[in-house]
Amino acid sequence: MAEENTAANQEQQPKFLIQKIYTKDISFEAPNSPEVFREEWNPQLDLQLGNDYQRIDEDNHEIVLSVTVTARVGDKVAFLAEVKQAGIFTLTGYTKEEMGPLVGSYCPTTLFPFVREVVSDVVTKGGFPALVLAPVNFDALYMHQIERAREQQAAAEQQAGQDQTH
């Protein structure tokens, strides 16, 4: 009887498992090489982050963290590195409300060290000094995204209310 209760409790407990982490896509361009190698290396860096989600089946989900780094020296693009680092995660026993932060923050946080390594490696192999991306606070980014979505929804509802009164 106790074994049955333990088994039932284990089935109901939320489960987070990493099934696989892999590089889904890499692109590297150095459009102004070799000339850019003769310039003083003091680049302006632009970092863009993205997060995609795909449900594979009931329990398994693919999360893709996209990172694009553009380095400019003066008005020239020194390099453009794009990496999509993906993971397959088993997420069971979570409510819909709990899934949002997992997919929008926790999984990208898990993937970030891997994407940082790939970016650094591809930049170095492209002939440039190593680039180590600074840590990213995905919790804060997720909360900002949620707040922005709420503001947009409130604005849309307000606009719809105004349209009905006219």
Protein backbone atom coordinates (compact mmCIF):
# COMPACT_ATOMS: atom_id res chain seq x y z
CA MET A 1 0.00 0.00 0.00
CA ALA A 2 2.78 2.41 0.91
CA GLU A 3 4.55 1.49 -2.33
CA GLU A 4 1.38 2.33 -4.31
CA ASN A 5 1.12 5.75 -2.62
CA THR A 6 4.80 6.45 -3.28
CA ALA A 7 4.42 5.52 -6.95
CA ALA A 8 1.29 7.68 -7.27
CA ASN A 9 3.04 10.63 -5.62
CA GLN A 10 6.04 10.26 -7.93
CA GLU A 11 3.75 10.34 -10.97
CA GLN A 12 2.10 13.55 -9.73
CA GLN A 13 5.36 15.31 -8.88
CA PRO A 14 6.54 17.81 -11.48
CA LYS A 15 9.41 16.45 -13.53
CA PHE A 16 12.08 18.42 -15.40
CA LEU A 17 14.53 16.40 -17.46
CA ILE A 18 17.03 17.42 -20.09
CA GLN A 19 16.83 14.84 -22.87
CA LYS A 20 19.29 16.41 -25.30
CA ILE A 21 21.16 19.66 -25.91
CA TYR A 22 22.38 20.35 -29.44
CA THR A 23 23.42 23.08 -31.83
CA LYS A 24 20.60 23.48 -34.35
CA ASP A 25 22.10 26.16 -36.61
CA ILE A 26 25.35 28.14 -36.93
CA SER A 27 26.14 30.99 -39.28
CA PHE A 28 29.32 33.05 -39.31
CA GLU A 29 30.24 35.83 -41.70
CA ALA A 30 33.28 38.09 -41.82
CA PRO A 31 32.27 40.25 -44.78
CA ASN A 32 35.13 42.73 -44.51
CA SER A 33 37.99 40.31 -44.00
CA PRO A 34 40.90 40.44 -44.43
CA GLU A 35 40.86 44.26 -44.34
CA VAL A 36 39.16 44.35 -40.93
CA PHE A 37 42.10 42.47 -39.37
CA ARG A 38 44.30 45.50 -40.03
CA GLU A 39 41.96 47.82 -38.11
CA GLU A 40 42.43 48.62 -34.42
CA TRP A 41 40.29 46.07 -32.60
CA ASN A 42 37.79 48.08 -30.57
CA PRO A 43 34.46 46.69 -31.76
CA GLN A 44 30.94 47.86 -31.07
CA LEU A 45 28.97 44.73 -30.21
CA ASP A 46 25.26 44.23 -30.75
CA LEU A 47 23.66 41.19 -29.10
CA GLN A 48 20.19 39.96 -30.01
CA LEU A 49 18.48 37.11 -28.15
CA GLY A 50 15.47 35.05 -29.15
CA ASN A 51 13.62 32.10 -27.69
CA ASP A 52 11.43 29.65 -29.63
CA TYR A 53 9.25 26.88 -28.26
CA GLN A 54 7.80 23.82 -29.94
CA ARG A 55 5.81 21.07 -28.28
CA ILE A 56 7.03 17.73 -29.59
CA ASP A 57 4.50 15.56 -27.77
CA GLU A 58 2.59 15.65 -24.49
CA ASP A 59 5.70 15.68 -22.29
CA ASN A 60 8.59 16.71 -24.54
CA HIS A 61 9.35 20.22 -25.69
CA GLU A 62 12.03 21.74 -27.89
CA ILE A 63 13.35 25.09 -26.72
CA VAL A 64 15.65 27.03 -29.07
CA LEU A 65 17.80 29.90 -27.81
CA SER A 66 18.90 32.13 -30.70
CA VAL A 67 21.87 34.47 -30.32
CA THR A 68 23.02 36.94 -32.95
CA VAL A 69 26.20 38.92 -32.34
CA THR A 70 27.25 41.67 -34.73
CA ALA A 71 30.69 43.24 -34.24
CA ARG A 72 31.40 46.54 -35.97
CA VAL A 73 34.70 48.34 -36.28
CA GLY A 74 33.90 51.87 -37.33
CA ASP A 75 31.26 51.60 -40.03
CA LYS A 76 32.33 48.10 -41.13
CA VAL A 77 30.86 44.81 -39.98
CA ALA A 78 33.78 42.78 -38.64
CA PHE A 79 31.70 39.66 -38.09
CA LEU A 80 28.18 38.40 -37.72
CA ALA A 81 27.67 35.23 -35.70
CA GLU A 82 24.29 33.54 -35.38
CA VAL A 83 23.79 30.44 -33.27
CA LYS A 84 20.64 28.51 -32.44
CA GLN A 85 21.20 26.25 -29.45
CA ALA A 86 18.37 23.84 -28.77
CA GLY A 87 17.32 21.44 -26.10
CA ILE A 88 14.70 18.77 -25.75
CA PHE A 89 13.19 18.95 -22.29
CA THR A 90 10.72 16.62 -20.60
CA LEU A 91 8.31 18.76 -18.60
CA THR A 92 5.54 16.87 -16.82
CA GLY A 93 3.23 17.69 -13.95
CA TYR A 94 3.42 21.48 -14.36
CA THR A 95 0.44 23.80 -14.57
CA LYS A 96 0.03 26.15 -17.53
CA GLU A 97 1.12 29.02 -15.28
CA GLU A 98 4.29 27.14 -14.28
CA MET A 99 5.16 26.27 -17.89
CA GLY A 100 5.61 29.92 -18.91
CA PRO A 101 8.63 30.62 -16.68
CA LEU A 102 10.12 27.19 -17.45
CA VAL A 103 9.97 27.75 -21.21
CA GLY A 104 10.69 31.48 -21.12
CA SER A 105 13.41 31.60 -18.49
CA TYR A 106 14.64 28.35 -16.96
CA CYS A 107 15.26 26.45 -20.21
CA PRO A 108 17.05 29.40 -21.90
CA THR A 109 19.18 29.79 -18.76
CA THR A 110 20.10 26.11 -19.08
CA LEU A 111 21.00 26.53 -22.77
CA PHE A 112 22.98 29.76 -22.44
CA PRO A 113 26.37 28.30 -21.36
CA PHE A 114 26.29 26.03 -24.40
CA VAL A 115 25.46 28.83 -26.85
CA ARG A 116 28.11 31.06 -25.23
CA GLU A 117 30.73 28.36 -25.87
CA VAL A 118 29.67 27.89 -29.51
CA VAL A 119 29.73 31.67 -30.17
CA SER A 120 33.18 32.01 -28.60
CA ASP A 121 34.49 29.05 -30.60
CA VAL A 122 33.15 30.21 -33.97
CA VAL A 123 34.39 33.80 -33.44
CA THR A 124 37.87 32.54 -32.55
CA LYS A 125 37.94 30.19 -35.54
CA GLY A 126 36.93 33.16 -37.67
CA GLY A 127 40.25 34.80 -36.77
CA PHE A 128 38.97 37.23 -34.15
CA PRO A 129 39.81 37.55 -30.44
CA ALA A 130 37.77 35.31 -28.17
CA LEU A 131 34.34 36.66 -27.29
CA VAL A 132 32.85 35.61 -23.98
CA LEU A 133 29.23 36.65 -23.69
CA ALA A 134 28.25 38.16 -20.35
CA PRO A 135 25.66 36.28 -18.28
CA VAL A 136 22.04 37.05 -19.14
CA ASN A 137 19.24 37.41 -16.58
CA PHE A 138 16.53 35.44 -18.37
CA ASP A 139 14.19 35.81 -15.38
CA ALA A 140 14.21 39.60 -15.80
CA LEU A 141 13.82 39.32 -19.59
CA TYR A 142 10.86 36.97 -19.16
CA MET A 143 9.18 39.27 -16.62
CA HIS A 144 9.72 42.25 -18.94
CA GLN A 145 8.17 40.31 -21.82
CA ILE A 146 5.13 39.39 -19.67
CA GLU A 147 4.70 43.00 -18.55
CA ARG A 148 4.95 44.27 -22.13
CA ALA A 149 2.33 41.71 -23.26
CA ARG A 150 -0.02 42.86 -20.46
CA GLU A 151 0.43 46.50 -21.48
CA GLN A 152 -0.30 45.68 -25.12
CA GLN A 153 -3.39 43.70 -24.13
CA ALA A 154 -4.65 46.54 -21.92
CA ALA A 155 -4.06 49.05 -24.73
CA ALA A 156 -5.91 46.82 -27.21
CA GLU A 157 -8.84 46.41 -24.80
CA GLN A 158 -8.93 50.17 -24.20
CA GLN A 159 -8.88 50.82 -27.95
CA ALA A 160 -11.67 48.27 -28.50
CA GLY A 161 -13.74 49.99 -25.79
CA GLN A 162 -13.23 53.38 -27.45
CA ASP A 163 -14.16 51.97 -30.86
CA GLN A 164 -17.46 50.64 -29.46
CA THR A 165 -18.43 54.03 -27.98
CA HIS A 166 -17.92 55.88 -31.28
